[in-house]
Amino acid sequence: QVQLVESGGGWVQAGGSLRLSCAASGRTFNQNAMGWFRQNLGKQRELVAGINWSGGSTYYADSVKGRFTISRDNAKNTMYLQMNSLKPEDTAVYYCAADLALFRAIPRRDYEYGSWGQGTQVTVSS
């Protein structure tokens, strides 16, 4: 299984940028699709962006298309989320997650992910 640790969250004004990182340890990182989820209190966890095992395929929620970019460096066992033009509604705890299975298309449901990081808070002020 893959162990995940997020970093890079913080506070930023609307219109600003943040870059989240997800460092992974484990034998199968370069065989797992990965995702970035976010969650606010009382709300369902939302898949923001996903990337397949090779980095050749990506997915974005409509709410972040054109503003967020997901990427991965398999040599460094690290995934990233570049967030630009941030809005107050982007405020949430952001989690990285690794697919339960190997070499498959990007899962869209949170129950399809088997490893989760501890989360990092992103706060965007207006």
C-alpha atoms as a PDB file:
ATOM      1  CA  GLN A   1       0.000   0.000   0.000  1.00  0.00           C
ATOM      2  CA  VAL A   2       1.045   3.620  -0.501  1.00  0.00           C
ATOM      3  CA  GLN A   3       1.568   6.065   2.373  1.00  0.00           C
ATOM      4  CA  LEU A   4       0.848   9.718   1.573  1.00  0.00           C
ATOM      5  CA  VAL A   5       1.798  13.056   3.132  1.00  0.00           C
ATOM      6  CA  GLU A   6       0.446  16.394   1.839  1.00  0.00           C
ATOM      7  CA  SER A   7       2.110  19.785   2.179  1.00  0.00           C
ATOM      8  CA  GLY A   8       1.783  23.274   0.765  1.00  0.00           C
ATOM      9  CA  GLY A   9      -1.553  24.405   2.121  1.00  0.00           C
ATOM     10  CA  GLY A  10      -2.048  27.785   3.730  1.00  0.00           C
ATOM     11  CA  TRP A  11      -3.808  31.107   3.529  1.00  0.00           C
ATOM     12  CA  VAL A  12      -4.002  33.204   0.386  1.00  0.00           C
ATOM     13  CA  GLN A  13      -6.055  36.098  -0.918  1.00  0.00           C
ATOM     14  CA  ALA A  14      -8.516  35.588  -3.752  1.00  0.00           C
ATOM     15  CA  GLY A  15      -6.716  35.539  -7.078  1.00  0.00           C
ATOM     16  CA  GLY A  16      -3.573  34.113  -5.549  1.00  0.00           C
ATOM     17  CA  SER A  17      -1.844  30.776  -6.058  1.00  0.00           C
ATOM     18  CA  LEU A  18      -0.766  27.788  -3.999  1.00  0.00           C
ATOM     19  CA  ARG A  19       1.017  24.571  -4.877  1.00  0.00           C
ATOM     20  CA  LEU A  20       0.177  21.406  -3.005  1.00  0.00           C
ATOM     21  CA  SER A  21       2.523  18.428  -2.889  1.00  0.00           C
ATOM     22  CA  CYS A  22       1.808  14.822  -2.017  1.00  0.00           C
ATOM     23  CA  ALA A  23       4.842  12.721  -1.113  1.00  0.00           C
ATOM     24  CA  ALA A  24       4.321   8.979  -1.388  1.00  0.00           C
ATOM     25  CA  SER A  25       6.160   6.010  -0.026  1.00  0.00           C
ATOM     26  CA  GLY A  26       5.470   2.469  -1.114  1.00  0.00           C
ATOM     27  CA  ARG A  27       6.298   0.138  -3.909  1.00  0.00           C
ATOM     28  CA  THR A  28       3.401   0.893  -6.233  1.00  0.00           C
ATOM     29  CA  PHE A  29       3.193   4.703  -6.499  1.00  0.00           C
ATOM     30  CA  ASN A  30       4.085   4.658 -10.194  1.00  0.00           C
ATOM     31  CA  GLN A  31       1.385   2.047 -10.823  1.00  0.00           C
ATOM     32  CA  ASN A  32      -1.498   3.884  -9.118  1.00  0.00           C
ATOM     33  CA  ALA A  33      -3.811   6.539 -10.389  1.00  0.00           C
ATOM     34  CA  MET A  34      -3.888   9.420  -7.916  1.00  0.00           C
ATOM     35  CA  GLY A  35      -6.399  12.061  -6.959  1.00  0.00           C
ATOM     36  CA  TRP A  36      -6.803  15.325  -5.086  1.00  0.00           C
ATOM     37  CA  PHE A  37     -10.022  15.604  -3.074  1.00  0.00           C
ATOM     38  CA  ARG A  38     -11.334  18.453  -0.965  1.00  0.00           C
ATOM     39  CA  GLN A  39     -13.880  18.585   1.819  1.00  0.00           C
ATOM     40  CA  ASN A  40     -15.591  21.211   3.936  1.00  0.00           C
ATOM     41  CA  LEU A  41     -17.398  20.565   7.204  1.00  0.00           C
ATOM     42  CA  GLY A  42     -20.786  19.033   6.576  1.00  0.00           C
ATOM     43  CA  LYS A  43     -20.141  18.557   2.881  1.00  0.00           C
ATOM     44  CA  GLN A  44     -19.313  15.541   0.795  1.00  0.00           C
ATOM     45  CA  ARG A  45     -15.733  14.915  -0.230  1.00  0.00           C
ATOM     46  CA  GLU A  46     -15.226  16.112  -3.808  1.00  0.00           C
ATOM     47  CA  LEU A  47     -12.741  14.879  -6.412  1.00  0.00           C
ATOM     48  CA  VAL A  48     -11.008  18.006  -7.640  1.00  0.00           C
ATOM     49  CA  ALA A  49      -8.433  16.473  -9.990  1.00  0.00           C
ATOM     50  CA  GLY A  50      -7.085  13.056 -10.893  1.00  0.00           C
ATOM     51  CA  ILE A  51      -4.146  11.690 -12.835  1.00  0.00           C
ATOM     52  CA  ASN A  52      -3.496   8.217 -14.158  1.00  0.00           C
ATOM     53  CA  TRP A  53      -0.453   6.106 -13.272  1.00  0.00           C
ATOM     54  CA  SER A  54       1.735   7.443 -16.111  1.00  0.00           C
ATOM     55  CA  GLY A  55       0.614  11.048 -15.974  1.00  0.00           C
ATOM     56  CA  GLY A  56      -0.726  10.817 -19.507  1.00  0.00           C
ATOM     57  CA  SER A  57      -4.363  11.304 -18.571  1.00  0.00           C
ATOM     58  CA  THR A  58      -5.935  13.839 -16.232  1.00  0.00           C
ATOM     59  CA  TYR A  59      -9.372  14.740 -14.915  1.00  0.00           C
ATOM     60  CA  TYR A  60     -10.651  18.037 -13.488  1.00  0.00           C
ATOM     61  CA  ALA A  61     -13.886  18.975 -11.821  1.00  0.00           C
ATOM     62  CA  ASP A  62     -15.719  21.691 -13.732  1.00  0.00           C
ATOM     63  CA  SER A  63     -15.275  24.073 -10.815  1.00  0.00           C
ATOM     64  CA  VAL A  64     -11.478  24.079 -11.190  1.00  0.00           C
ATOM     65  CA  LYS A  65     -10.921  23.592 -14.924  1.00  0.00           C
ATOM     66  CA  GLY A  66      -8.538  26.154 -16.334  1.00  0.00           C
ATOM     67  CA  ARG A  67      -7.307  27.167 -12.860  1.00  0.00           C
ATOM     68  CA  PHE A  68      -5.819  23.992 -11.352  1.00  0.00           C
ATOM     69  CA  THR A  69      -3.170  21.705 -12.812  1.00  0.00           C
ATOM     70  CA  ILE A  70      -2.393  18.217 -11.534  1.00  0.00           C
ATOM     71  CA  SER A  71       0.943  16.561 -12.255  1.00  0.00           C
ATOM     72  CA  ARG A  72       3.174  13.805 -10.942  1.00  0.00           C
ATOM     73  CA  ASP A  73       6.852  12.954 -10.899  1.00  0.00           C
ATOM     74  CA  ASN A  74       7.139   9.179 -10.577  1.00  0.00           C
ATOM     75  CA  ALA A  75      10.911   9.387 -10.167  1.00  0.00           C
ATOM     76  CA  LYS A  76      10.354  11.484  -7.026  1.00  0.00           C
ATOM     77  CA  ASN A  77       7.222   9.629  -5.855  1.00  0.00           C
ATOM     78  CA  THR A  78       5.429  12.957  -5.675  1.00  0.00           C
ATOM     79  CA  MET A  79       2.193  14.410  -7.001  1.00  0.00           C
ATOM     80  CA  TYR A  80       1.360  18.105  -7.260  1.00  0.00           C
ATOM     81  CA  LEU A  81      -1.640  20.375  -7.538  1.00  0.00           C
ATOM     82  CA  GLN A  82      -0.923  23.876  -8.845  1.00  0.00           C
ATOM     83  CA  MET A  83      -3.846  26.108  -7.911  1.00  0.00           C
ATOM     84  CA  ASN A  84      -4.119  29.505  -9.600  1.00  0.00           C
ATOM     85  CA  SER A  85      -6.793  32.208  -9.555  1.00  0.00           C
ATOM     86  CA  LEU A  86      -8.003  30.899  -6.230  1.00  0.00           C
ATOM     87  CA  LYS A  87     -11.511  31.773  -5.066  1.00  0.00           C
ATOM     88  CA  PRO A  88     -13.037  31.800  -1.562  1.00  0.00           C
ATOM     89  CA  GLU A  89     -15.117  28.771  -2.555  1.00  0.00           C
ATOM     90  CA  ASP A  90     -11.874  26.798  -2.981  1.00  0.00           C
ATOM     91  CA  THR A  91     -11.430  26.946   0.791  1.00  0.00           C
ATOM     92  CA  ALA A  92     -11.349  23.372   2.117  1.00  0.00           C
ATOM     93  CA  VAL A  93      -9.151  20.635   3.498  1.00  0.00           C
ATOM     94  CA  TYR A  94      -7.373  19.048   0.551  1.00  0.00           C
ATOM     95  CA  TYR A  95      -6.469  15.364   0.564  1.00  0.00           C
ATOM     96  CA  CYS A  96      -4.360  13.312  -1.804  1.00  0.00           C
ATOM     97  CA  ALA A  97      -5.356   9.729  -2.425  1.00  0.00           C
ATOM     98  CA  ALA A  98      -4.031   6.658  -4.230  1.00  0.00           C
ATOM     99  CA  ASP A  99      -6.169   4.252  -6.255  1.00  0.00           C
ATOM    100  CA  LEU A 100      -6.872   0.845  -4.732  1.00  0.00           C
ATOM    101  CA  ALA A 101      -6.058  -0.893  -8.007  1.00  0.00           C
ATOM    102  CA  LEU A 102      -3.104  -0.693 -10.361  1.00  0.00           C
ATOM    103  CA  PHE A 103      -2.871   0.607 -13.923  1.00  0.00           C
ATOM    104  CA  ARG A 104      -6.507   1.595 -14.331  1.00  0.00           C
ATOM    105  CA  ALA A 105      -8.288   4.741 -15.460  1.00  0.00           C
ATOM    106  CA  ILE A 106      -8.770   7.574 -12.989  1.00  0.00           C
ATOM    107  CA  PRO A 107     -11.394   6.571 -10.411  1.00  0.00           C
ATOM    108  CA  ARG A 108     -14.080   9.158  -9.750  1.00  0.00           C
ATOM    109  CA  ARG A 109     -15.449   7.839  -6.416  1.00  0.00           C
ATOM    110  CA  ASP A 110     -13.696   8.246  -3.090  1.00  0.00           C
ATOM    111  CA  TYR A 111     -14.343   4.598  -2.122  1.00  0.00           C
ATOM    112  CA  GLU A 112     -12.164   3.522  -5.047  1.00  0.00           C
ATOM    113  CA  TYR A 113      -9.131   5.043  -3.360  1.00  0.00           C
ATOM    114  CA  GLY A 114      -7.333   2.971  -0.766  1.00  0.00           C
ATOM    115  CA  SER A 115      -4.692   5.288   0.674  1.00  0.00           C
ATOM    116  CA  TRP A 116      -5.226   8.823   1.975  1.00  0.00           C
ATOM    117  CA  GLY A 117      -3.044  11.584   3.314  1.00  0.00           C
ATOM    118  CA  GLN A 118      -3.813  13.493   6.494  1.00  0.00           C
ATOM    119  CA  GLY A 119      -5.076  16.559   4.635  1.00  0.00           C
ATOM    120  CA  THR A 120      -3.847  20.136   4.327  1.00  0.00           C
ATOM    121  CA  GLN A 121      -5.963  23.234   4.906  1.00  0.00           C
ATOM    122  CA  VAL A 122      -6.368  25.775   2.104  1.00  0.00           C
ATOM    123  CA  THR A 123      -8.031  29.056   3.032  1.00  0.00           C
ATOM    124  CA  VAL A 124      -8.822  31.706   0.427  1.00  0.00           C
ATOM    125  CA  SER A 125      -9.973  35.078   1.699  1.00  0.00           C
ATOM    126  CA  SER A 126     -12.003  37.562  -0.325  1.00  0.00           C
END
